[in-house]
Amino acid sequence: MQLSEFLKTANSTRMTQRTKDAARLVLVDGMRYIDAAKQMEMKRQQVEDAVSRIEAAYKAAQGIPEEWECITVCVPPERVAEVREIERQSMRTAGLSIN
């Protein structure tokens, strides 16, 4: 998740700043759950719950079906359009609006 997406989503929740920071470590910085939990002096389950809440809020705000997964993909520049087209086709098929 991009930092701007995370901040917009996190700010729409009632989570504490500490909980938001833990979720950011995982979703934006790519840290493992256990490492984020240790750094924030939280239990792993608390971090997992925070990440799940942010992901659910993000999907709801974007109109993405709950069962869909949001992923980050690293591809060569010449494949970016192809990956974006897969997303557009999937959204069209599901009857969702395309940004």
C-alpha atoms as a PDB file:
ATOM      1  CA  MET A   1       0.000   0.000   0.000  1.00  0.00           C
ATOM      2  CA  GLN A   2       1.253   3.457  -0.822  1.00  0.00           C
ATOM      3  CA  LEU A   3       1.793   5.854   2.088  1.00  0.00           C
ATOM      4  CA  SER A   4      -0.837   8.286   0.764  1.00  0.00           C
ATOM      5  CA  GLU A   5      -3.435   5.480   0.552  1.00  0.00           C
ATOM      6  CA  PHE A   6      -2.547   4.312   4.035  1.00  0.00           C
ATOM      7  CA  LEU A   7      -2.779   7.779   5.594  1.00  0.00           C
ATOM      8  CA  LYS A   8      -6.149   8.511   3.998  1.00  0.00           C
ATOM      9  CA  THR A   9      -7.524   5.158   5.126  1.00  0.00           C
ATOM     10  CA  ALA A  10      -5.994   5.197   8.614  1.00  0.00           C
ATOM     11  CA  ASN A  11      -7.287   8.704   9.276  1.00  0.00           C
ATOM     12  CA  SER A  12     -10.821   7.491   8.560  1.00  0.00           C
ATOM     13  CA  THR A  13     -10.616   5.007  11.456  1.00  0.00           C
ATOM     14  CA  ARG A  14     -10.850   5.460  15.211  1.00  0.00           C
ATOM     15  CA  MET A  15      -7.646   3.532  15.851  1.00  0.00           C
ATOM     16  CA  THR A  16      -5.034   4.919  18.226  1.00  0.00           C
ATOM     17  CA  GLN A  17      -1.924   6.429  16.688  1.00  0.00           C
ATOM     18  CA  ARG A  18       0.180   3.580  18.087  1.00  0.00           C
ATOM     19  CA  THR A  19      -2.062   1.015  16.397  1.00  0.00           C
ATOM     20  CA  LYS A  20      -1.978   2.939  13.121  1.00  0.00           C
ATOM     21  CA  ASP A  21       1.815   3.109  13.319  1.00  0.00           C
ATOM     22  CA  ALA A  22       2.028  -0.655  13.779  1.00  0.00           C
ATOM     23  CA  ALA A  23      -0.191  -1.253  10.751  1.00  0.00           C
ATOM     24  CA  ARG A  24       1.880   1.201   8.695  1.00  0.00           C
ATOM     25  CA  LEU A  25       5.057  -0.725   9.471  1.00  0.00           C
ATOM     26  CA  VAL A  26       3.493  -3.807   7.869  1.00  0.00           C
ATOM     27  CA  LEU A  27       1.412  -2.319   5.052  1.00  0.00           C
ATOM     28  CA  VAL A  28       3.668   0.501   3.888  1.00  0.00           C
ATOM     29  CA  ASP A  29       7.146  -0.400   5.102  1.00  0.00           C
ATOM     30  CA  GLY A  30       6.831  -4.136   4.433  1.00  0.00           C
ATOM     31  CA  MET A  31       7.865  -5.193   7.923  1.00  0.00           C
ATOM     32  CA  ARG A  32       6.889  -8.644   9.195  1.00  0.00           C
ATOM     33  CA  TYR A  33       4.060  -8.765  11.735  1.00  0.00           C
ATOM     34  CA  ILE A  34       6.280 -10.118  14.493  1.00  0.00           C
ATOM     35  CA  ASP A  35       8.924  -7.437  13.935  1.00  0.00           C
ATOM     36  CA  ALA A  36       6.336  -4.652  13.920  1.00  0.00           C
ATOM     37  CA  ALA A  37       4.845  -6.063  17.121  1.00  0.00           C
ATOM     38  CA  LYS A  38       8.230  -6.099  18.838  1.00  0.00           C
ATOM     39  CA  GLN A  39       9.070  -2.577  17.698  1.00  0.00           C
ATOM     40  CA  MET A  40       5.729  -1.217  18.875  1.00  0.00           C
ATOM     41  CA  GLU A  41       5.705  -3.353  22.049  1.00  0.00           C
ATOM     42  CA  MET A  42       2.461  -5.004  21.018  1.00  0.00           C
ATOM     43  CA  LYS A  43       1.309  -8.569  20.558  1.00  0.00           C
ATOM     44  CA  ARG A  44       1.470 -10.000  17.055  1.00  0.00           C
ATOM     45  CA  GLN A  45      -2.300 -10.537  17.093  1.00  0.00           C
ATOM     46  CA  GLN A  46      -2.871  -6.846  17.822  1.00  0.00           C
ATOM     47  CA  VAL A  47      -0.810  -5.916  14.764  1.00  0.00           C
ATOM     48  CA  GLU A  48      -2.639  -8.473  12.614  1.00  0.00           C
ATOM     49  CA  ASP A  49      -5.977  -7.064  13.771  1.00  0.00           C
ATOM     50  CA  ALA A  50      -4.843  -3.505  12.980  1.00  0.00           C
ATOM     51  CA  VAL A  51      -3.728  -4.513   9.490  1.00  0.00           C
ATOM     52  CA  SER A  52      -7.034  -6.299   8.879  1.00  0.00           C
ATOM     53  CA  ARG A  53      -8.999  -3.228   9.964  1.00  0.00           C
ATOM     54  CA  ILE A  54      -7.011  -0.925   7.679  1.00  0.00           C
ATOM     55  CA  GLU A  55      -7.357  -3.342   4.742  1.00  0.00           C
ATOM     56  CA  ALA A  56     -11.122  -3.642   5.306  1.00  0.00           C
ATOM     57  CA  ALA A  57     -11.517   0.149   5.508  1.00  0.00           C
ATOM     58  CA  TYR A  58      -9.457   0.586   2.332  1.00  0.00           C
ATOM     59  CA  LYS A  59     -11.537  -1.950   0.404  1.00  0.00           C
ATOM     60  CA  ALA A  60     -14.792  -0.412   1.619  1.00  0.00           C
ATOM     61  CA  ALA A  61     -13.684   3.086   0.605  1.00  0.00           C
ATOM     62  CA  GLN A  62     -12.663   1.850  -2.845  1.00  0.00           C
ATOM     63  CA  GLY A  63     -15.810  -0.237  -3.375  1.00  0.00           C
ATOM     64  CA  ILE A  64     -13.721  -3.406  -3.609  1.00  0.00           C
ATOM     65  CA  PRO A  65     -15.493  -6.669  -2.682  1.00  0.00           C
ATOM     66  CA  GLU A  66     -14.467  -7.897   0.758  1.00  0.00           C
ATOM     67  CA  GLU A  67     -13.233 -11.264  -0.532  1.00  0.00           C
ATOM     68  CA  TRP A  68     -10.850  -9.667  -3.058  1.00  0.00           C
ATOM     69  CA  GLU A  69      -7.191  -9.283  -2.150  1.00  0.00           C
ATOM     70  CA  CYS A  70      -5.166  -6.117  -2.612  1.00  0.00           C
ATOM     71  CA  ILE A  71      -1.567  -6.837  -3.539  1.00  0.00           C
ATOM     72  CA  THR A  72       1.525  -4.935  -4.541  1.00  0.00           C
ATOM     73  CA  VAL A  73       3.217  -6.262  -7.644  1.00  0.00           C
ATOM     74  CA  CYS A  74       6.663  -5.363  -8.943  1.00  0.00           C
ATOM     75  CA  VAL A  75       6.908  -5.807 -12.700  1.00  0.00           C
ATOM     76  CA  PRO A  76       9.063  -4.422 -15.502  1.00  0.00           C
ATOM     77  CA  PRO A  77       7.742  -1.151 -16.965  1.00  0.00           C
ATOM     78  CA  GLU A  78       6.579  -2.859 -20.143  1.00  0.00           C
ATOM     79  CA  ARG A  79       4.204  -5.116 -18.121  1.00  0.00           C
ATOM     80  CA  VAL A  80       2.518  -2.396 -16.025  1.00  0.00           C
ATOM     81  CA  ALA A  81      -0.258  -1.746 -18.552  1.00  0.00           C
ATOM     82  CA  GLU A  82      -0.980  -5.473 -18.729  1.00  0.00           C
ATOM     83  CA  VAL A  83      -1.382  -5.757 -14.950  1.00  0.00           C
ATOM     84  CA  ARG A  84      -3.593  -2.664 -14.813  1.00  0.00           C
ATOM     85  CA  GLU A  85      -5.761  -4.110 -17.586  1.00  0.00           C
ATOM     86  CA  ILE A  86      -6.277  -7.288 -15.542  1.00  0.00           C
ATOM     87  CA  GLU A  87      -7.550  -5.127 -12.692  1.00  0.00           C
ATOM     88  CA  ARG A  88      -9.861  -3.119 -14.993  1.00  0.00           C
ATOM     89  CA  GLN A  89     -11.308  -6.276 -16.578  1.00  0.00           C
ATOM     90  CA  SER A  90     -11.912  -7.854 -13.171  1.00  0.00           C
ATOM     91  CA  MET A  91     -13.682  -4.746 -11.921  1.00  0.00           C
ATOM     92  CA  ARG A  92     -15.806  -4.496 -15.081  1.00  0.00           C
ATOM     93  CA  THR A  93     -16.770  -8.160 -14.797  1.00  0.00           C
ATOM     94  CA  ALA A  94     -17.790  -7.601 -11.165  1.00  0.00           C
ATOM     95  CA  GLY A  95     -19.840  -4.550 -12.155  1.00  0.00           C
ATOM     96  CA  LEU A  96     -17.647  -2.132 -10.203  1.00  0.00           C
ATOM     97  CA  SER A  97     -16.765   1.411 -11.187  1.00  0.00           C
ATOM     98  CA  ILE A  98     -13.342   1.880 -12.710  1.00  0.00           C
ATOM     99  CA  ASN A  99     -11.208   4.794 -11.560  1.00  0.00           C
END
